[in-house]
């Protein structure tokens, strides 16, 4: 009876050892900009996808930075510690930003937007604009989620101001991932206006 199970046991042990052999050990590194990355002991680092570290999944961008408190490019939520959160709905309601102000991405060519229902995740460099003078008050980096409501307005600014429907902008964001030359007006975490300038 015991001999019958011996081949199965051997196969299970071999499978476990092969998985262990391919697992890459390493350690976490906190950079001067406050962002985390994971250093393999062989000198490499994970990038452009998911990595299982200590039984937890983390997502790393193309440059190797761990994503945190955001939606990953493939549509999953990760918490403030970077760990994957299986319950996306709970994560969405828990991680909405409370920012207010006018944020300008006109000079930035490396920002990304991801629309998930009524939540818009915005990642990239911005300028804070004075509402009266339109002068730059400050610059920074954003990786946060905002609410879109029925009252949110979307505009295309060329020779004149043209209001776009929500269905149009949703399709645009699904296709492109950016709202070119973007300017966001946000009040308490809700996008009041999103416009595309020429």
C-alpha atoms as a PDB file:
ATOM      1  CA  UNK A   1       0.000   0.000   0.000  1.00  0.00           C
ATOM      2  CA  UNK A   2       2.785   2.415   0.938  1.00  0.00           C
ATOM      3  CA  UNK A   3       4.721   1.673  -2.274  1.00  0.00           C
ATOM      4  CA  UNK A   4       1.777   2.859  -4.370  1.00  0.00           C
ATOM      5  CA  UNK A   5       1.999   6.383  -2.890  1.00  0.00           C
ATOM      6  CA  UNK A   6       5.798   6.621  -3.078  1.00  0.00           C
ATOM      7  CA  UNK A   7       5.935   7.868  -6.740  1.00  0.00           C
ATOM      8  CA  UNK A   8       3.313  10.521  -5.967  1.00  0.00           C
ATOM      9  CA  UNK A   9       5.265  11.695  -2.935  1.00  0.00           C
ATOM     10  CA  UNK A  10       8.482  11.861  -4.972  1.00  0.00           C
ATOM     11  CA  UNK A  11       6.749  13.941  -7.671  1.00  0.00           C
ATOM     12  CA  UNK A  12       5.360  16.363  -5.074  1.00  0.00           C
ATOM     13  CA  UNK A  13       8.778  16.837  -3.480  1.00  0.00           C
ATOM     14  CA  UNK A  14      10.392  17.438  -6.885  1.00  0.00           C
ATOM     15  CA  UNK A  15       7.714  19.992  -7.795  1.00  0.00           C
ATOM     16  CA  UNK A  16       8.245  21.850  -4.521  1.00  0.00           C
ATOM     17  CA  UNK A  17      12.019  21.869  -4.923  1.00  0.00           C
ATOM     18  CA  UNK A  18      11.772  23.167  -8.492  1.00  0.00           C
ATOM     19  CA  UNK A  19       9.536  26.042  -7.382  1.00  0.00           C
ATOM     20  CA  UNK A  20      11.917  26.853  -4.542  1.00  0.00           C
ATOM     21  CA  UNK A  21      14.865  26.804  -6.914  1.00  0.00           C
ATOM     22  CA  UNK A  22      13.276  29.440  -9.157  1.00  0.00           C
ATOM     23  CA  UNK A  23      12.219  31.727  -6.292  1.00  0.00           C
ATOM     24  CA  UNK A  24      14.590  34.686  -6.119  1.00  0.00           C
ATOM     25  CA  UNK A  25      15.557  35.995  -2.706  1.00  0.00           C
ATOM     26  CA  UNK A  26      16.098  39.660  -2.038  1.00  0.00           C
ATOM     27  CA  UNK A  27      15.273  42.613   0.203  1.00  0.00           C
ATOM     28  CA  UNK A  28      13.197  45.798   0.183  1.00  0.00           C
ATOM     29  CA  UNK A  29      14.823  49.189  -0.498  1.00  0.00           C
ATOM     30  CA  UNK A  30      13.283  52.571   0.381  1.00  0.00           C
ATOM     31  CA  UNK A  31      14.547  55.286  -1.976  1.00  0.00           C
ATOM     32  CA  UNK A  32      15.084  58.970  -1.224  1.00  0.00           C
ATOM     33  CA  UNK A  33      11.820  59.809  -3.020  1.00  0.00           C
ATOM     34  CA  UNK A  34       9.848  57.727  -0.513  1.00  0.00           C
ATOM     35  CA  UNK A  35       9.068  54.913  -2.948  1.00  0.00           C
ATOM     36  CA  UNK A  36       9.913  51.227  -2.530  1.00  0.00           C
ATOM     37  CA  UNK A  37      11.603  48.736  -4.830  1.00  0.00           C
ATOM     38  CA  UNK A  38      12.805  45.167  -4.352  1.00  0.00           C
ATOM     39  CA  UNK A  39      16.470  44.245  -4.839  1.00  0.00           C
ATOM     40  CA  UNK A  40      17.288  40.655  -5.779  1.00  0.00           C
ATOM     41  CA  UNK A  41      20.435  39.292  -4.161  1.00  0.00           C
ATOM     42  CA  UNK A  42      21.819  38.666  -7.653  1.00  0.00           C
ATOM     43  CA  UNK A  43      21.599  42.404  -8.422  1.00  0.00           C
ATOM     44  CA  UNK A  44      18.379  42.437 -10.478  1.00  0.00           C
ATOM     45  CA  UNK A  45      14.923  43.689  -9.557  1.00  0.00           C
ATOM     46  CA  UNK A  46      11.318  42.920 -10.567  1.00  0.00           C
ATOM     47  CA  UNK A  47       9.636  45.224 -13.086  1.00  0.00           C
ATOM     48  CA  UNK A  48       6.604  45.441 -15.348  1.00  0.00           C
ATOM     49  CA  UNK A  49       4.417  43.017 -13.446  1.00  0.00           C
ATOM     50  CA  UNK A  50       3.557  41.038 -10.362  1.00  0.00           C
ATOM     51  CA  UNK A  51       6.021  39.490  -7.939  1.00  0.00           C
ATOM     52  CA  UNK A  52       5.251  37.055  -5.118  1.00  0.00           C
ATOM     53  CA  UNK A  53       7.299  38.099  -2.077  1.00  0.00           C
ATOM     54  CA  UNK A  54       6.835  36.405   1.302  1.00  0.00           C
ATOM     55  CA  UNK A  55       3.471  34.960   0.197  1.00  0.00           C
ATOM     56  CA  UNK A  56       2.161  38.378  -0.880  1.00  0.00           C
ATOM     57  CA  UNK A  57       1.718  39.717  -4.414  1.00  0.00           C
ATOM     58  CA  UNK A  58       3.161  43.148  -5.289  1.00  0.00           C
ATOM     59  CA  UNK A  59       3.116  45.020  -8.599  1.00  0.00           C
ATOM     60  CA  UNK A  60       6.203  46.794  -9.960  1.00  0.00           C
ATOM     61  CA  UNK A  61       6.183  49.355 -12.778  1.00  0.00           C
ATOM     62  CA  UNK A  62       8.546  49.472 -15.776  1.00  0.00           C
ATOM     63  CA  UNK A  63      11.237  51.202 -13.706  1.00  0.00           C
ATOM     64  CA  UNK A  64      10.956  48.741 -10.824  1.00  0.00           C
ATOM     65  CA  UNK A  65       8.978  50.922  -8.391  1.00  0.00           C
ATOM     66  CA  UNK A  66       6.382  49.157  -6.261  1.00  0.00           C
ATOM     67  CA  UNK A  67       2.873  50.492  -6.864  1.00  0.00           C
ATOM     68  CA  UNK A  68       0.903  51.415  -3.735  1.00  0.00           C
ATOM     69  CA  UNK A  69      -2.675  52.490  -2.973  1.00  0.00           C
ATOM     70  CA  UNK A  70      -3.645  52.424  -6.633  1.00  0.00           C
ATOM     71  CA  UNK A  71      -5.018  50.379  -9.521  1.00  0.00           C
ATOM     72  CA  UNK A  72      -2.425  48.309 -11.373  1.00  0.00           C
ATOM     73  CA  UNK A  73      -2.240  48.531 -15.182  1.00  0.00           C
ATOM     74  CA  UNK A  74      -4.048  45.186 -15.411  1.00  0.00           C
ATOM     75  CA  UNK A  75      -6.919  46.453 -13.251  1.00  0.00           C
ATOM     76  CA  UNK A  76      -6.233  45.189  -9.714  1.00  0.00           C
ATOM     77  CA  UNK A  77      -6.091  47.221  -6.501  1.00  0.00           C
ATOM     78  CA  UNK A  78      -3.026  47.335  -4.250  1.00  0.00           C
ATOM     79  CA  UNK A  79      -3.079  48.836  -0.759  1.00  0.00           C
ATOM     80  CA  UNK A  80      -0.905  51.534   0.870  1.00  0.00           C
ATOM     81  CA  UNK A  81       1.693  48.846   1.654  1.00  0.00           C
ATOM     82  CA  UNK A  82       1.674  47.685  -1.981  1.00  0.00           C
ATOM     83  CA  UNK A  83       0.021  44.346  -1.239  1.00  0.00           C
ATOM     84  CA  UNK A  84      -2.646  43.096  -3.650  1.00  0.00           C
ATOM     85  CA  UNK A  85      -6.192  43.607  -2.285  1.00  0.00           C
ATOM     86  CA  UNK A  86      -8.548  40.945  -3.670  1.00  0.00           C
ATOM     87  CA  UNK A  87     -11.692  42.963  -2.797  1.00  0.00           C
ATOM     88  CA  UNK A  88     -11.488  45.688  -5.445  1.00  0.00           C
ATOM     89  CA  UNK A  89     -14.713  47.438  -4.416  1.00  0.00           C
ATOM     90  CA  UNK A  90     -13.545  47.869  -0.826  1.00  0.00           C
ATOM     91  CA  UNK A  91     -10.184  49.122  -2.041  1.00  0.00           C
ATOM     92  CA  UNK A  92     -11.788  51.651  -4.369  1.00  0.00           C
ATOM     93  CA  UNK A  93     -13.887  53.224  -1.637  1.00  0.00           C
ATOM     94  CA  UNK A  94     -10.974  53.198   0.813  1.00  0.00           C
ATOM     95  CA  UNK A  95      -8.382  54.877  -1.366  1.00  0.00           C
ATOM     96  CA  UNK A  96     -10.156  57.872  -2.899  1.00  0.00           C
ATOM     97  CA  UNK A  97      -7.981  60.972  -2.560  1.00  0.00           C
ATOM     98  CA  UNK A  98      -9.245  64.081  -0.745  1.00  0.00           C
ATOM     99  CA  UNK A  99      -7.270  66.536  -2.900  1.00  0.00           C
ATOM    100  CA  UNK A 100      -8.700  69.882  -3.960  1.00  0.00           C
ATOM    101  CA  UNK A 101      -7.279  72.279  -6.524  1.00  0.00           C
ATOM    102  CA  UNK A 102      -6.391  72.654 -10.178  1.00  0.00           C
ATOM    103  CA  UNK A 103      -3.776  70.223 -11.466  1.00  0.00           C
ATOM    104  CA  UNK A 104      -2.168  70.690 -14.852  1.00  0.00           C
ATOM    105  CA  UNK A 105      -0.543  67.854 -16.827  1.00  0.00           C
ATOM    106  CA  UNK A 106       0.010  69.951 -19.956  1.00  0.00           C
ATOM    107  CA  UNK A 107       3.795  69.812 -19.657  1.00  0.00           C
ATOM    108  CA  UNK A 108       3.901  66.129 -18.711  1.00  0.00           C
ATOM    109  CA  UNK A 109       4.196  63.412 -21.341  1.00  0.00           C
ATOM    110  CA  UNK A 110       4.397  60.449 -18.976  1.00  0.00           C
ATOM    111  CA  UNK A 111       1.139  60.441 -17.043  1.00  0.00           C
ATOM    112  CA  UNK A 112      -1.453  57.663 -17.181  1.00  0.00           C
ATOM    113  CA  UNK A 113      -5.159  57.583 -16.370  1.00  0.00           C
ATOM    114  CA  UNK A 114      -7.166  54.440 -15.667  1.00  0.00           C
ATOM    115  CA  UNK A 115     -10.943  54.589 -15.396  1.00  0.00           C
ATOM    116  CA  UNK A 116     -12.580  51.865 -13.286  1.00  0.00           C
ATOM    117  CA  UNK A 117     -16.313  52.527 -13.020  1.00  0.00           C
ATOM    118  CA  UNK A 118     -16.606  55.992 -11.459  1.00  0.00           C
ATOM    119  CA  UNK A 119     -13.038  56.002 -10.138  1.00  0.00           C
ATOM    120  CA  UNK A 120     -10.271  57.621 -12.173  1.00  0.00           C
ATOM    121  CA  UNK A 121      -6.725  56.670 -11.213  1.00  0.00           C
ATOM    122  CA  UNK A 122      -4.219  59.370 -12.205  1.00  0.00           C
ATOM    123  CA  UNK A 123      -0.459  58.772 -12.169  1.00  0.00           C
ATOM    124  CA  UNK A 124       2.180  61.279 -13.277  1.00  0.00           C
ATOM    125  CA  UNK A 125       3.844  64.659 -12.810  1.00  0.00           C
ATOM    126  CA  UNK A 126       1.684  67.760 -12.410  1.00  0.00           C
ATOM    127  CA  UNK A 127       1.701  71.490 -11.760  1.00  0.00           C
ATOM    128  CA  UNK A 128      -0.696  73.150  -9.312  1.00  0.00           C
ATOM    129  CA  UNK A 129      -2.254  76.136 -11.048  1.00  0.00           C
ATOM    130  CA  UNK A 130      -3.541  79.348  -9.476  1.00  0.00           C
ATOM    131  CA  UNK A 131      -7.224  79.561 -10.448  1.00  0.00           C
ATOM    132  CA  UNK A 132      -7.050  83.331 -11.016  1.00  0.00           C
ATOM    133  CA  UNK A 133      -3.658  83.871 -12.658  1.00  0.00           C
ATOM    134  CA  UNK A 134      -3.073  80.341 -14.064  1.00  0.00           C
ATOM    135  CA  UNK A 135       0.505  80.602 -12.824  1.00  0.00           C
ATOM    136  CA  UNK A 136       2.337  77.586 -11.428  1.00  0.00           C
ATOM    137  CA  UNK A 137       2.187  77.441  -7.621  1.00  0.00           C
ATOM    138  CA  UNK A 138       3.946  74.099  -7.144  1.00  0.00           C
ATOM    139  CA  UNK A 139       4.886  70.872  -8.898  1.00  0.00           C
ATOM    140  CA  UNK A 140       4.649  67.292  -7.750  1.00  0.00           C
ATOM    141  CA  UNK A 141       3.938  63.648  -8.491  1.00  0.00           C
ATOM    142  CA  UNK A 142       0.437  62.138  -8.265  1.00  0.00           C
ATOM    143  CA  UNK A 143      -0.587  58.496  -7.995  1.00  0.00           C
ATOM    144  CA  UNK A 144      -4.122  58.705  -6.658  1.00  0.00           C
ATOM    145  CA  UNK A 145      -7.764  57.841  -7.336  1.00  0.00           C
ATOM    146  CA  UNK A 146     -10.605  60.353  -7.764  1.00  0.00           C
ATOM    147  CA  UNK A 147     -14.367  60.161  -8.046  1.00  0.00           C
ATOM    148  CA  UNK A 148     -16.310  61.046 -11.182  1.00  0.00           C
ATOM    149  CA  UNK A 149     -19.969  61.974 -10.700  1.00  0.00           C
ATOM    150  CA  UNK A 150     -22.841  62.779 -13.066  1.00  0.00           C
ATOM    151  CA  UNK A 151     -21.955  66.452 -12.553  1.00  0.00           C
ATOM    152  CA  UNK A 152     -18.363  66.044 -13.739  1.00  0.00           C
ATOM    153  CA  UNK A 153     -17.717  67.936 -16.962  1.00  0.00           C
ATOM    154  CA  UNK A 154     -15.266  67.027 -19.705  1.00  0.00           C
ATOM    155  CA  UNK A 155     -14.055  69.599 -22.204  1.00  0.00           C
ATOM    156  CA  UNK A 156     -11.928  69.714 -25.307  1.00  0.00           C
ATOM    157  CA  UNK A 157     -10.152  73.062 -25.587  1.00  0.00           C
ATOM    158  CA  UNK A 158      -8.996  73.966 -29.090  1.00  0.00           C
ATOM    159  CA  UNK A 159     -10.159  77.134 -30.863  1.00  0.00           C
ATOM    160  CA  UNK A 160     -13.242  76.989 -28.691  1.00  0.00           C
ATOM    161  CA  UNK A 161     -14.550  75.089 -25.664  1.00  0.00           C
ATOM    162  CA  UNK A 162     -16.442  71.904 -26.575  1.00  0.00           C
ATOM    163  CA  UNK A 163     -18.140  69.803 -23.908  1.00  0.00           C
ATOM    164  CA  UNK A 164     -17.675  66.054 -24.326  1.00  0.00           C
ATOM    165  CA  UNK A 165     -20.140  63.431 -23.137  1.00  0.00           C
ATOM    166  CA  UNK A 166     -19.150  60.990 -20.386  1.00  0.00           C
ATOM    167  CA  UNK A 167     -19.578  58.079 -22.790  1.00  0.00           C
ATOM    168  CA  UNK A 168     -17.127  59.755 -25.193  1.00  0.00           C
ATOM    169  CA  UNK A 169     -14.489  60.368 -22.529  1.00  0.00           C
ATOM    170  CA  UNK A 170     -14.906  56.881 -21.042  1.00  0.00           C
ATOM    171  CA  UNK A 171     -14.259  55.339 -24.448  1.00  0.00           C
ATOM    172  CA  UNK A 172     -11.337  57.709 -25.010  1.00  0.00           C
ATOM    173  CA  UNK A 173      -9.708  56.764 -21.707  1.00  0.00           C
ATOM    174  CA  UNK A 174     -10.321  53.063 -22.375  1.00  0.00           C
ATOM    175  CA  UNK A 175      -8.577  53.378 -25.749  1.00  0.00           C
ATOM    176  CA  UNK A 176      -5.803  55.850 -24.955  1.00  0.00           C
ATOM    177  CA  UNK A 177      -5.166  55.796 -21.187  1.00  0.00           C
ATOM    178  CA  UNK A 178      -4.529  59.562 -21.203  1.00  0.00           C
ATOM    179  CA  UNK A 179      -6.471  62.756 -21.779  1.00  0.00           C
ATOM    180  CA  UNK A 180      -3.829  64.611 -23.761  1.00  0.00           C
ATOM    181  CA  UNK A 181      -2.664  67.959 -22.316  1.00  0.00           C
ATOM    182  CA  UNK A 182      -4.869  67.306 -19.322  1.00  0.00           C
ATOM    183  CA  UNK A 183      -6.070  69.754 -16.668  1.00  0.00           C
ATOM    184  CA  UNK A 184      -7.992  68.491 -13.630  1.00  0.00           C
ATOM    185  CA  UNK A 185     -10.109  70.590 -11.292  1.00  0.00           C
ATOM    186  CA  UNK A 186     -10.691  68.539  -8.131  1.00  0.00           C
ATOM    187  CA  UNK A 187     -12.800  69.303  -5.057  1.00  0.00           C
ATOM    188  CA  UNK A 188     -12.454  66.983  -2.058  1.00  0.00           C
ATOM    189  CA  UNK A 189     -11.450  64.008  -4.160  1.00  0.00           C
ATOM    190  CA  UNK A 190     -14.140  64.511  -6.807  1.00  0.00           C
ATOM    191  CA  UNK A 191     -13.210  65.596 -10.320  1.00  0.00           C
ATOM    192  CA  UNK A 192     -15.348  68.604 -11.166  1.00  0.00           C
ATOM    193  CA  UNK A 193     -13.792  69.287 -14.530  1.00  0.00           C
ATOM    194  CA  UNK A 194     -11.377  67.461 -16.800  1.00  0.00           C
ATOM    195  CA  UNK A 195     -10.233  69.324 -19.902  1.00  0.00           C
ATOM    196  CA  UNK A 196      -7.912  68.678 -22.807  1.00  0.00           C
ATOM    197  CA  UNK A 197      -6.019  71.733 -24.037  1.00  0.00           C
ATOM    198  CA  UNK A 198      -4.486  72.350 -27.410  1.00  0.00           C
END
